């Protein structure tokens, strides 16, 4: 093609048709520019198509992470609800408001830990900034991971004042002894992916009071139990709020993928 155009140019110059040559040269330049613009547009289309594919993959990964987190959030919520129920029964027994005995080992509780999946969000945050076109959805995702998850993990994992298990331990060591039999506080549901969690069945030996009447005179224990109940209700409310927000964010991501 280039040889063809060169031949035409040479023939025009030999025939001294200078004006027609300039018009032809201008036309040739225009064709070259159009070709370049078309090539740039095709490259831009290809890059846009790749970005949209990457955006979709990233949103799917974030949604998958949220759904896995839901399993752990529900597990911890159920555990807190079970412990709260027995703490309330134990406090009522100590205050002589009831004669019903709790499951003492469950009232002691379990040192729960909250872990969340963050790799897809970190990829969005550090390597794919600007990839998501929906700015509102991007802000909601960032707030969910940066605030709600951070606050929940801070309360559950890193705040001594909310470490209810450790705060109760001295009182249980003082007022209880190990009894026969075991119980299982809570187990994960059967649909929990085994490869995602270390799913260990927690069997604990039962506890019984050493001296119930003496324990009833320990006002420090009563005060601590009362505070534990208040703080555990905060945990439960926060877990429920985060689970609601996970479900809402899941719906928004799904809508964006459709």
Protein backbone atom coordinates (compact mmCIF):
# COMPACT_ATOMS: atom_id res chain seq x y z
CA UNK A 1 0.00 0.00 0.00
CA UNK A 2 2.81 2.40 0.90
CA UNK A 3 4.58 1.58 -2.40
CA UNK A 4 1.34 2.29 -4.25
CA UNK A 5 1.00 5.78 -2.73
CA UNK A 6 4.69 6.50 -3.35
CA UNK A 7 4.25 5.64 -7.04
CA UNK A 8 1.33 8.03 -7.38
CA UNK A 9 3.27 10.84 -5.72
CA UNK A 10 6.26 10.37 -8.03
CA UNK A 11 4.04 10.36 -11.10
CA UNK A 12 2.37 13.62 -10.03
CA UNK A 13 5.71 15.31 -9.45
CA UNK A 14 7.00 14.20 -12.87
CA UNK A 15 3.86 15.53 -14.54
CA UNK A 16 4.30 18.86 -12.65
CA UNK A 17 0.82 18.65 -11.13
CA UNK A 18 1.95 20.32 -7.92
CA UNK A 19 -1.45 21.52 -6.68
CA UNK A 20 -2.99 18.10 -7.09
CA UNK A 21 0.04 16.64 -5.33
CA UNK A 22 -0.47 18.88 -2.29
CA UNK A 23 -4.15 17.93 -2.15
CA UNK A 24 -3.21 14.29 -2.37
CA UNK A 25 -0.55 14.69 0.36
CA UNK A 26 -3.05 16.37 2.64
CA UNK A 27 -5.51 13.56 2.00
CA UNK A 28 -2.83 11.01 2.73
CA UNK A 29 -2.00 12.73 6.02
CA UNK A 30 -5.68 12.78 6.95
CA UNK A 31 -5.93 9.06 6.23
CA UNK A 32 -2.87 8.37 8.39
CA UNK A 33 -4.29 10.45 11.25
CA UNK A 34 -7.65 8.68 10.99
CA UNK A 35 -5.87 5.34 11.05
CA UNK A 36 -3.95 6.34 14.17
CA UNK A 37 -7.13 7.57 15.86
CA UNK A 38 -8.91 4.33 15.02
CA UNK A 39 -6.01 2.30 16.42
CA UNK A 40 -6.01 4.39 19.61
CA UNK A 41 -9.76 3.96 19.96
CA UNK A 42 -9.47 0.20 19.51
CA UNK A 43 -6.75 0.09 22.17
CA UNK A 44 -8.91 2.17 24.48
CA UNK A 45 -11.87 -0.17 23.92
CA UNK A 46 -9.69 -3.16 24.69
CA UNK A 47 -8.31 -1.52 27.86
CA UNK A 48 -11.84 -0.58 28.95
CA UNK A 49 -13.02 -4.13 28.34
CA UNK A 50 -10.15 -5.50 30.44
CA UNK A 51 -10.87 -2.98 33.22
CA UNK A 52 -14.54 -3.93 33.30
CA UNK A 53 -13.61 -7.60 33.47
CA UNK A 54 -11.18 -6.86 36.31
CA UNK A 55 -13.80 -4.72 38.06
CA UNK A 56 -16.33 -7.54 37.88
CA UNK A 57 -13.84 -10.08 39.18
CA UNK A 58 -12.88 -7.80 42.07
CA UNK A 59 -16.51 -7.19 43.05
CA UNK A 60 -17.20 -10.93 42.94
CA UNK A 61 -14.19 -11.57 45.20
CA UNK A 62 -15.31 -8.89 47.68
CA UNK A 63 -18.81 -10.39 47.74
CA UNK A 64 -17.38 -13.88 48.30
CA UNK A 65 -15.30 -12.54 51.20
CA UNK A 66 -18.36 -10.91 52.74
CA UNK A 67 -20.32 -14.16 52.51
CA UNK A 68 -17.52 -16.07 54.20
CA UNK A 69 -17.36 -13.41 56.91
CA UNK A 70 -21.08 -13.87 57.49
CA UNK A 71 -20.41 -17.42 58.68
CA UNK A 72 -17.91 -16.28 61.32
CA UNK A 73 -20.05 -13.31 62.36
CA UNK A 74 -23.09 -15.53 62.86
CA UNK A 75 -21.04 -18.07 64.77
CA UNK A 76 -19.72 -15.44 67.19
CA UNK A 77 -23.16 -13.84 67.52
CA UNK A 78 -24.72 -17.16 68.44
CA UNK A 79 -21.94 -17.80 70.95
CA UNK A 80 -22.45 -14.41 72.62
CA UNK A 81 -26.20 -14.99 72.77
CA UNK A 82 -25.73 -18.37 74.45
CA UNK A 83 -23.28 -16.99 77.01
CA UNK A 84 -25.51 -13.98 77.71
CA UNK A 85 -28.47 -16.22 78.46
CA UNK A 86 -26.47 -18.18 81.04
CA UNK A 87 -24.87 -15.07 82.55
CA UNK A 88 -28.34 -13.68 83.22
CA UNK A 89 -29.47 -16.95 84.84
CA UNK A 90 -26.32 -17.02 87.02
CA UNK A 91 -26.76 -13.41 88.15
CA UNK A 92 -30.40 -14.06 89.04
CA UNK A 93 -29.28 -17.09 91.06
CA UNK A 94 -26.65 -15.06 92.94
CA UNK A 95 -29.17 -12.30 93.69
CA UNK A 96 -31.65 -14.97 94.83
CA UNK A 97 -34.15 -13.81 92.23
CA UNK A 98 -34.38 -17.38 90.91
CA UNK A 99 -33.45 -20.90 91.95
CA UNK A 100 -32.70 -22.01 88.39
CA UNK A 101 -29.08 -23.03 87.93
CA UNK A 102 -27.34 -22.07 84.70
CA UNK A 103 -24.90 -24.00 82.59
CA UNK A 104 -21.95 -22.68 84.61
CA UNK A 105 -19.35 -23.47 81.96
CA UNK A 106 -21.39 -21.57 79.37
CA UNK A 107 -21.80 -18.67 81.81
CA UNK A 108 -18.01 -18.58 82.06
CA UNK A 109 -17.98 -18.13 78.30
CA UNK A 110 -15.40 -18.62 75.58
CA UNK A 111 -12.59 -16.30 74.51
CA UNK A 112 -13.95 -15.61 71.01
CA UNK A 113 -11.83 -14.21 68.19
CA UNK A 114 -13.13 -12.50 65.05
CA UNK A 115 -11.25 -12.90 61.78
CA UNK A 116 -12.37 -11.34 58.50
CA UNK A 117 -11.37 -11.78 54.86
CA UNK A 118 -9.75 -8.60 53.51
CA UNK A 119 -7.50 -9.57 50.59
CA UNK A 120 -9.89 -8.44 47.82
CA UNK A 121 -10.58 -5.14 49.59
CA UNK A 122 -6.85 -4.55 50.12
CA UNK A 123 -6.31 -5.16 46.40
CA UNK A 124 -8.96 -2.54 45.64
CA UNK A 125 -7.45 -0.15 48.16
CA UNK A 126 -3.79 -0.41 47.17
CA UNK A 127 -3.60 -1.58 43.56
CA UNK A 128 -6.94 -0.89 41.86
CA UNK A 129 -7.76 2.63 43.01
CA UNK A 130 -10.25 4.16 40.58
CA UNK A 131 -11.21 0.82 39.06
CA UNK A 132 -14.77 0.86 40.45
CA UNK A 133 -16.98 3.23 38.46
CA UNK A 134 -19.71 3.39 41.10
CA UNK A 135 -18.31 5.93 43.58
CA UNK A 136 -21.13 5.40 46.09
CA UNK A 137 -20.58 1.64 46.14
CA UNK A 138 -16.82 2.17 46.50
CA UNK A 139 -17.40 4.45 49.51
CA UNK A 140 -19.75 1.94 51.14
CA UNK A 141 -17.26 -0.89 50.66
CA UNK A 142 -14.43 1.21 52.11
CA UNK A 143 -16.50 2.32 55.12
CA UNK A 144 -17.57 -1.25 55.81
CA UNK A 145 -14.04 -2.63 55.89
CA UNK A 146 -12.26 0.43 57.32
CA UNK A 147 -14.77 1.30 60.05
CA UNK A 148 -17.25 -1.44 60.90
CA UNK A 149 -14.83 -4.37 60.59
CA UNK A 150 -12.05 -2.44 62.31
CA UNK A 151 -14.33 -1.46 65.20
CA UNK A 152 -15.73 -4.98 65.56
CA UNK A 153 -12.31 -6.59 65.59
CA UNK A 154 -10.99 -3.97 68.00
CA UNK A 155 -13.78 -4.75 70.47
CA UNK A 156 -13.58 -8.51 70.06
CA UNK A 157 -9.84 -9.00 69.80
CA UNK A 158 -7.88 -6.08 71.21
CA UNK A 159 -9.73 -4.19 73.94
CA UNK A 160 -8.96 -5.45 77.48
CA UNK A 161 -12.11 -3.86 78.92
CA UNK A 162 -14.20 -6.04 76.60
CA UNK A 163 -12.24 -9.22 77.29
CA UNK A 164 -15.10 -10.61 79.38
CA UNK A 165 -13.65 -14.12 79.55
CA UNK A 166 -10.39 -12.99 81.16
CA UNK A 167 -12.17 -10.65 83.56
CA UNK A 168 -14.42 -13.48 84.81
CA UNK A 169 -11.64 -16.08 85.04
CA UNK A 170 -10.42 -15.21 88.59
CA UNK A 171 -13.96 -15.48 89.99
CA UNK A 172 -14.65 -18.80 88.30
CA UNK A 173 -11.32 -20.18 89.46
CA UNK A 174 -12.25 -19.13 92.99
CA UNK A 175 -15.88 -20.29 93.14
CA UNK A 176 -16.06 -23.34 90.84
CA UNK A 177 -14.58 -26.76 90.35
CA UNK A 178 -14.59 -29.16 87.42
CA UNK A 179 -17.48 -31.64 87.46
CA UNK A 180 -18.24 -34.74 85.44
CA UNK A 181 -19.60 -34.63 81.93
CA UNK A 182 -18.99 -32.30 79.03
CA UNK A 183 -20.93 -29.84 76.96
CA UNK A 184 -20.43 -28.27 73.54
CA UNK A 185 -20.97 -24.50 73.53
CA UNK A 186 -21.67 -23.99 69.85
CA UNK A 187 -20.77 -25.66 66.56
CA UNK A 188 -20.61 -24.32 63.07
CA UNK A 189 -23.36 -25.12 60.60
CA UNK A 190 -22.89 -28.02 58.23
CA UNK A 191 -22.64 -25.70 55.21
CA UNK A 192 -19.53 -23.99 56.55
CA UNK A 193 -16.69 -24.64 54.04
CA UNK A 194 -14.16 -26.78 55.89
CA UNK A 195 -11.27 -25.31 53.90
CA UNK A 196 -12.10 -21.79 55.10
CA UNK A 197 -12.05 -22.41 58.85
CA UNK A 198 -10.40 -24.60 61.42
CA UNK A 199 -13.65 -26.17 62.60
CA UNK A 200 -12.83 -27.73 65.95
CA UNK A 201 -15.60 -29.11 68.13
CA UNK A 202 -15.21 -27.42 71.53
CA UNK A 203 -16.14 -29.83 74.30
CA UNK A 204 -15.71 -28.48 77.82
CA UNK A 205 -16.08 -30.19 81.15
CA UNK A 206 -18.98 -29.00 83.24
CA UNK A 207 -18.46 -26.76 86.24
CA UNK A 208 -20.18 -26.74 89.63
CA UNK A 209 -20.07 -24.24 92.51
CA UNK A 210 -17.72 -24.95 95.41
CA UNK A 211 -20.01 -23.11 97.83
CA UNK A 212 -23.09 -21.43 96.40
CA UNK A 213 -23.94 -19.47 99.56
CA UNK A 214 -20.44 -18.10 99.84
CA UNK A 215 -20.47 -17.15 96.17
CA UNK A 216 -23.70 -15.20 96.78
CA UNK A 217 -21.82 -12.97 99.22
CA UNK A 218 -19.19 -12.04 96.64
CA UNK A 219 -20.54 -8.67 95.56
CA UNK A 220 -17.59 -8.07 93.27
CA UNK A 221 -18.64 -11.11 91.25
CA UNK A 222 -22.20 -9.80 91.03
CA UNK A 223 -21.05 -6.40 89.84
CA UNK A 224 -18.77 -7.97 87.23
CA UNK A 225 -21.54 -10.24 85.95
CA UNK A 226 -23.87 -7.26 85.67
CA UNK A 227 -21.26 -5.34 83.66
CA UNK A 228 -20.54 -8.37 81.48
CA UNK A 229 -24.23 -8.61 80.62
CA UNK A 230 -24.31 -4.95 79.60
CA UNK A 231 -21.17 -5.23 77.49
CA UNK A 232 -22.26 -8.49 75.89
CA UNK A 233 -25.50 -6.84 74.81
CA UNK A 234 -23.31 -4.22 73.10
CA UNK A 235 -21.43 -7.02 71.32
CA UNK A 236 -24.66 -8.64 70.20
CA UNK A 237 -26.13 -5.37 68.93
CA UNK A 238 -22.91 -4.58 67.04
CA UNK A 239 -22.76 -8.06 65.48
CA UNK A 240 -26.37 -7.77 64.35
CA UNK A 241 -25.70 -4.32 62.89
CA UNK A 242 -22.64 -5.55 60.99
CA UNK A 243 -24.53 -8.60 59.68
CA UNK A 244 -27.33 -6.34 58.42
CA UNK A 245 -24.77 -4.14 56.68
CA UNK A 246 -23.05 -7.17 55.13
CA UNK A 247 -26.40 -8.34 53.71
CA UNK A 248 -27.15 -4.87 52.34
CA UNK A 249 -23.70 -4.53 50.78
CA UNK A 250 -24.04 -8.01 49.27
CA UNK A 251 -27.28 -6.92 47.59
CA UNK A 252 -25.69 -3.73 46.25
CA UNK A 253 -22.71 -5.59 44.80
CA UNK A 254 -25.01 -8.19 43.23
CA UNK A 255 -27.09 -5.41 41.65
CA UNK A 256 -23.91 -3.80 40.26
CA UNK A 257 -22.88 -7.13 38.70
CA UNK A 258 -26.18 -7.65 36.92
